[in-house]
Amino acid sequence: MANPKAAIEPERGFSALLDAVVLESTDVSEFLTDLSVLAAARLSPPGTELECSTTLIRPRKAGTVAGSSPRAARMDEFQYRAGEGPCLEAARTQQTVYAGDLGRETRWPGYRKATAGSGIGSVLGVPIPLDGEAAASLNLYSAFPDGFDAKARQAAESFARQASRALRLAVRIAALTDTAQNLRVAMRSRTTINLAAGIVMAQNRCSHETAIDILMKASSIRNTKLREVATAVVASAAQKGR
């Protein structure tokens, strides 16, 4: 059987489609899954089905992996466990990384051992340019060794460049969502602390400042967070009030 080559150039002008996918996604993980499915469909040559995953690395966040198939996602997870692999290297170095014959690959020994028997012959990792400290890569898998010729690699790089704008948007939306969630948690914590301070003020006939000092001293003595001490005070008062 002849070795198929992934050589389909993605159509131009589908930035609007990607933007729509971002806005319809409930979170960045869902967008990465949709992006992986779209890449696999557009970059697979006739008669051959490529598998695709997308890796996203953000500061102070666990790496996000999504795939067009369970196997593609597992291949990326193997890289996280091993701490090495073509797709992680592509994301970190912002350079295209190609493993033409995974069975004979000498780089990334931990990754190669973890993926033995996976049925994947070759892997192509292409960086997706992002802003700031975030990094991402588009990861394509072929069942055949030497499954990506020069034209196929160029097509994947073109797709990654076109996907960059949409992924930047998805990351920004995710960051805003995280900020909003953190603010809600902070507001809830502050409300609980103020409630606890009010209870301490009533119990000790003291000022708000003194009540906060009492709570902070309790937090230090118990070696627990102020919010946790406040929650315990409020819960205790609620129990006594029943």
Protein backbone atom coordinates (compact mmCIF):
# COMPACT_ATOMS: atom_id res chain seq x y z
CA MET A 1 0.00 0.00 0.00
CA ALA A 2 1.44 3.39 -0.95
CA ASN A 3 2.23 5.83 1.81
CA PRO A 4 -0.34 8.66 1.67
CA LYS A 5 0.89 12.20 2.15
CA ALA A 6 -1.13 14.85 3.95
CA ALA A 7 -1.03 17.58 1.35
CA ILE A 8 -4.30 19.44 1.44
CA GLU A 9 -3.96 23.22 1.78
CA PRO A 10 -6.65 24.64 4.09
CA GLU A 11 -9.06 27.01 2.39
CA ARG A 12 -8.44 30.68 2.82
CA GLY A 13 -10.81 33.06 4.48
CA PHE A 14 -12.22 30.94 7.26
CA SER A 15 -11.22 33.29 10.10
CA ALA A 16 -14.87 34.26 10.55
CA LEU A 17 -15.76 30.58 10.95
CA LEU A 18 -13.15 30.17 13.68
CA ASP A 19 -14.35 33.32 15.45
CA ALA A 20 -17.88 31.92 15.41
CA VAL A 21 -16.61 28.64 16.90
CA VAL A 22 -14.96 30.61 19.72
CA LEU A 23 -18.14 32.51 20.54
CA GLU A 24 -20.25 29.35 20.45
CA SER A 25 -17.87 27.41 22.72
CA THR A 26 -18.64 27.24 26.43
CA ASP A 27 -14.96 27.21 27.42
CA VAL A 28 -11.47 27.09 25.95
CA SER A 29 -11.36 23.29 26.16
CA GLU A 30 -14.45 22.97 23.96
CA PHE A 31 -12.94 25.40 21.44
CA LEU A 32 -9.71 23.38 21.31
CA THR A 33 -11.73 20.23 20.63
CA ASP A 34 -13.64 21.93 17.80
CA LEU A 35 -10.37 23.30 16.42
CA SER A 36 -8.81 19.83 16.45
CA VAL A 37 -11.78 18.30 14.64
CA LEU A 38 -11.71 21.08 12.04
CA ALA A 39 -7.95 20.69 11.48
CA ALA A 40 -8.21 16.92 11.07
CA ALA A 41 -11.00 17.33 8.52
CA ARG A 42 -9.26 20.06 6.50
CA LEU A 43 -5.75 18.64 6.52
CA SER A 44 -6.52 14.96 5.86
CA PRO A 45 -5.71 13.91 2.28
CA PRO A 46 -8.34 11.99 0.25
CA GLY A 47 -8.71 8.41 1.45
CA THR A 48 -6.69 8.93 4.63
CA GLU A 49 -7.84 10.21 8.00
CA LEU A 50 -5.42 12.19 10.11
CA GLU A 51 -5.96 12.65 13.83
CA CYS A 52 -5.33 15.97 15.52
CA SER A 53 -4.93 17.39 18.99
CA THR A 54 -4.28 20.88 20.30
CA THR A 55 -2.07 21.68 23.28
CA LEU A 56 -2.43 24.94 25.23
CA ILE A 57 0.05 25.97 27.92
CA ARG A 58 -0.80 28.97 30.12
CA PRO A 59 1.08 30.42 33.12
CA ARG A 60 -0.17 29.10 36.48
CA LYS A 61 -2.63 26.81 34.70
CA ALA A 62 -2.64 23.11 34.03
CA GLY A 63 -1.98 22.31 30.38
CA THR A 64 -5.12 21.92 28.30
CA VAL A 65 -5.30 19.07 25.79
CA ALA A 66 -8.13 18.38 23.34
CA GLY A 67 -8.30 16.06 20.36
CA SER A 68 -10.30 15.06 17.33
CA SER A 69 -10.19 11.50 18.66
CA PRO A 70 -9.50 9.82 22.02
CA ARG A 71 -6.21 8.47 20.67
CA ALA A 72 -5.02 11.94 19.62
CA ALA A 73 -5.78 13.31 23.09
CA ARG A 74 -3.98 10.35 24.70
CA MET A 75 -0.90 10.99 22.57
CA ASP A 76 -0.70 14.49 24.02
CA GLU A 77 -1.32 13.25 27.56
CA PHE A 78 1.63 10.87 27.14
CA GLN A 79 3.78 13.92 26.45
CA TYR A 80 2.65 15.66 29.63
CA ARG A 81 3.43 12.57 31.68
CA ALA A 82 6.86 12.18 30.09
CA GLY A 83 7.51 15.93 30.08
CA GLU A 84 8.75 15.71 26.51
CA GLY A 85 7.62 15.07 22.96
CA PRO A 86 7.30 16.70 19.55
CA CYS A 87 4.18 18.71 20.32
CA LEU A 88 5.40 20.06 23.67
CA GLU A 89 8.68 20.98 21.97
CA ALA A 90 6.79 22.78 19.19
CA ALA A 91 4.78 24.78 21.74
CA ARG A 92 7.83 25.64 23.84
CA THR A 93 10.24 26.50 21.03
CA GLN A 94 7.70 27.95 18.59
CA GLN A 95 9.28 25.84 15.87
CA THR A 96 7.68 23.11 13.74
CA VAL A 97 8.79 19.69 14.96
CA TYR A 98 8.46 16.58 12.82
CA ALA A 99 8.88 12.96 13.90
CA GLY A 100 8.81 11.13 10.56
CA ASP A 101 9.03 7.62 12.00
CA LEU A 102 7.94 7.37 15.61
CA GLY A 103 9.10 3.76 15.83
CA ARG A 104 12.68 4.76 15.01
CA GLU A 105 12.67 8.11 16.80
CA THR A 106 15.65 8.63 19.14
CA ARG A 107 14.52 11.95 20.63
CA TRP A 108 12.20 12.03 23.65
CA PRO A 109 12.87 8.44 24.93
CA GLY A 110 10.21 8.70 27.63
CA TYR A 111 7.57 9.73 25.12
CA ARG A 112 8.63 7.07 22.63
CA LYS A 113 8.36 4.36 25.30
CA ALA A 114 4.93 5.60 26.42
CA THR A 115 3.55 5.61 22.87
CA ALA A 116 4.90 2.23 21.79
CA GLY A 117 2.10 0.22 20.19
CA SER A 118 -0.11 3.30 19.74
CA GLY A 119 -0.52 2.68 16.00
CA ILE A 120 0.85 6.14 15.17
CA GLY A 121 3.59 6.21 12.54
CA SER A 122 4.50 9.91 12.35
CA VAL A 123 3.79 13.08 14.29
CA LEU A 124 3.83 16.72 13.24
CA GLY A 125 3.83 19.47 15.87
CA VAL A 126 3.17 23.01 14.64
CA PRO A 127 3.25 26.05 16.95
CA ILE A 128 0.23 28.34 17.09
CA PRO A 129 1.45 31.91 17.72
CA LEU A 130 -0.10 33.48 20.83
CA ASP A 131 0.33 36.62 22.92
CA GLY A 132 2.22 36.87 26.19
CA GLU A 133 3.39 33.77 28.02
CA ALA A 134 0.77 31.40 26.62
CA ALA A 135 1.96 28.78 24.13
CA ALA A 136 0.11 26.33 21.92
CA SER A 137 0.66 23.76 19.22
CA LEU A 138 -1.39 21.98 16.59
CA ASN A 139 -0.51 18.31 16.64
CA LEU A 140 -1.19 16.01 13.69
CA TYR A 141 -0.92 12.23 13.75
CA SER A 142 -0.63 9.82 10.83
CA ALA A 143 -0.85 6.04 11.03
CA PHE A 144 1.95 5.88 8.47
CA PRO A 145 5.67 6.62 8.86
CA ASP A 146 6.76 9.62 6.82
CA GLY A 147 3.13 10.72 6.64
CA PHE A 148 3.79 14.43 6.13
CA ASP A 149 5.76 15.72 3.18
CA ALA A 150 6.96 19.31 2.77
CA LYS A 151 3.66 20.46 1.26
CA ALA A 152 1.70 18.88 4.11
CA ARG A 153 3.88 20.60 6.68
CA GLN A 154 3.35 23.93 4.93
CA ALA A 155 -0.40 23.37 4.92
CA ALA A 156 -0.39 22.64 8.66
CA GLU A 157 1.67 25.76 9.35
CA SER A 158 -0.75 27.84 7.29
CA PHE A 159 -3.70 26.43 9.23
CA ALA A 160 -1.97 27.18 12.55
CA ARG A 161 -1.35 30.80 11.53
CA GLN A 162 -4.99 31.23 10.55
CA ALA A 163 -6.13 29.63 13.81
CA SER A 164 -3.90 31.92 15.87
CA ARG A 165 -6.30 34.88 15.98
CA ALA A 166 -9.24 32.75 17.12
CA LEU A 167 -7.18 30.96 19.78
CA ARG A 168 -5.93 34.31 21.09
CA LEU A 169 -9.56 35.37 21.44
CA ALA A 170 -10.44 32.11 23.23
CA VAL A 171 -7.53 32.55 25.67
CA ARG A 172 -8.54 36.16 26.41
CA ILE A 173 -12.14 35.12 27.06
CA ALA A 174 -10.90 32.33 29.34
CA ALA A 175 -8.70 34.82 31.24
CA LEU A 176 -11.64 37.21 31.69
CA THR A 177 -13.80 34.32 32.89
CA ASP A 178 -11.12 33.30 35.40
CA THR A 179 -10.86 36.91 36.62
CA ALA A 180 -14.61 37.17 37.06
CA GLN A 181 -14.69 33.91 38.99
CA ASN A 182 -11.83 35.05 41.21
CA LEU A 183 -13.64 38.34 41.90
CA ARG A 184 -16.81 36.46 42.85
CA VAL A 185 -14.83 34.27 45.24
CA ALA A 186 -13.12 37.34 46.70
CA MET A 187 -16.44 39.12 47.18
CA ARG A 188 -17.93 36.07 48.89
CA SER A 189 -14.89 35.83 51.14
CA ARG A 190 -15.09 39.52 52.01
CA THR A 191 -18.78 39.24 52.81
CA THR A 192 -18.13 36.29 55.11
CA ILE A 193 -15.31 38.14 56.88
CA ASN A 194 -17.52 41.19 57.41
CA LEU A 195 -20.32 39.00 58.79
CA ALA A 196 -17.88 37.33 61.18
CA ALA A 197 -16.52 40.71 62.26
CA GLY A 198 -20.06 41.87 63.03
CA ILE A 199 -20.63 38.79 65.18
CA VAL A 200 -17.34 39.37 67.06
CA MET A 201 -18.28 43.05 67.54
CA ALA A 202 -21.60 42.06 69.10
CA GLN A 203 -20.01 39.42 71.32
CA ASN A 204 -17.14 41.60 72.54
CA ARG A 205 -18.71 45.08 72.29
CA CYS A 206 -15.74 46.25 70.22
CA SER A 207 -15.03 48.21 67.06
CA HIS A 208 -14.88 46.70 63.57
CA GLU A 209 -11.10 47.18 63.52
CA THR A 210 -10.71 45.32 66.83
CA ALA A 211 -12.98 42.53 65.59
CA ILE A 212 -10.83 42.08 62.49
CA ASP A 213 -7.72 41.96 64.70
CA ILE A 214 -9.34 39.22 66.79
CA LEU A 215 -10.14 37.20 63.68
CA MET A 216 -6.63 37.65 62.31
CA LYS A 217 -5.06 36.53 65.60
CA ALA A 218 -7.29 33.44 65.57
CA SER A 219 -6.22 32.78 62.00
CA SER A 220 -2.54 33.01 62.99
CA ILE A 221 -2.92 30.82 66.09
CA ARG A 222 -4.84 28.11 64.19
CA ASN A 223 -2.59 28.46 61.14
CA THR A 224 -5.64 28.68 58.87
CA LYS A 225 -6.84 31.26 56.36
CA LEU A 226 -8.79 34.26 57.63
CA ARG A 227 -11.71 33.30 55.38
CA GLU A 228 -11.87 29.85 56.99
CA VAL A 229 -11.89 31.33 60.50
CA ALA A 230 -14.64 33.73 59.45
CA THR A 231 -16.69 30.91 57.94
CA ALA A 232 -16.41 28.94 61.20
CA VAL A 233 -17.53 31.97 63.27
CA VAL A 234 -20.56 32.56 61.02
CA ALA A 235 -21.47 28.86 61.04
CA SER A 236 -21.19 28.72 64.84
CA ALA A 237 -23.40 31.78 65.25
CA ALA A 238 -25.97 30.34 62.87
CA GLN A 239 -26.00 27.06 64.83
CA LYS A 240 -26.54 28.88 68.15
CA GLY A 241 -29.36 30.92 66.63
CA ARG A 242 -31.46 27.89 65.76
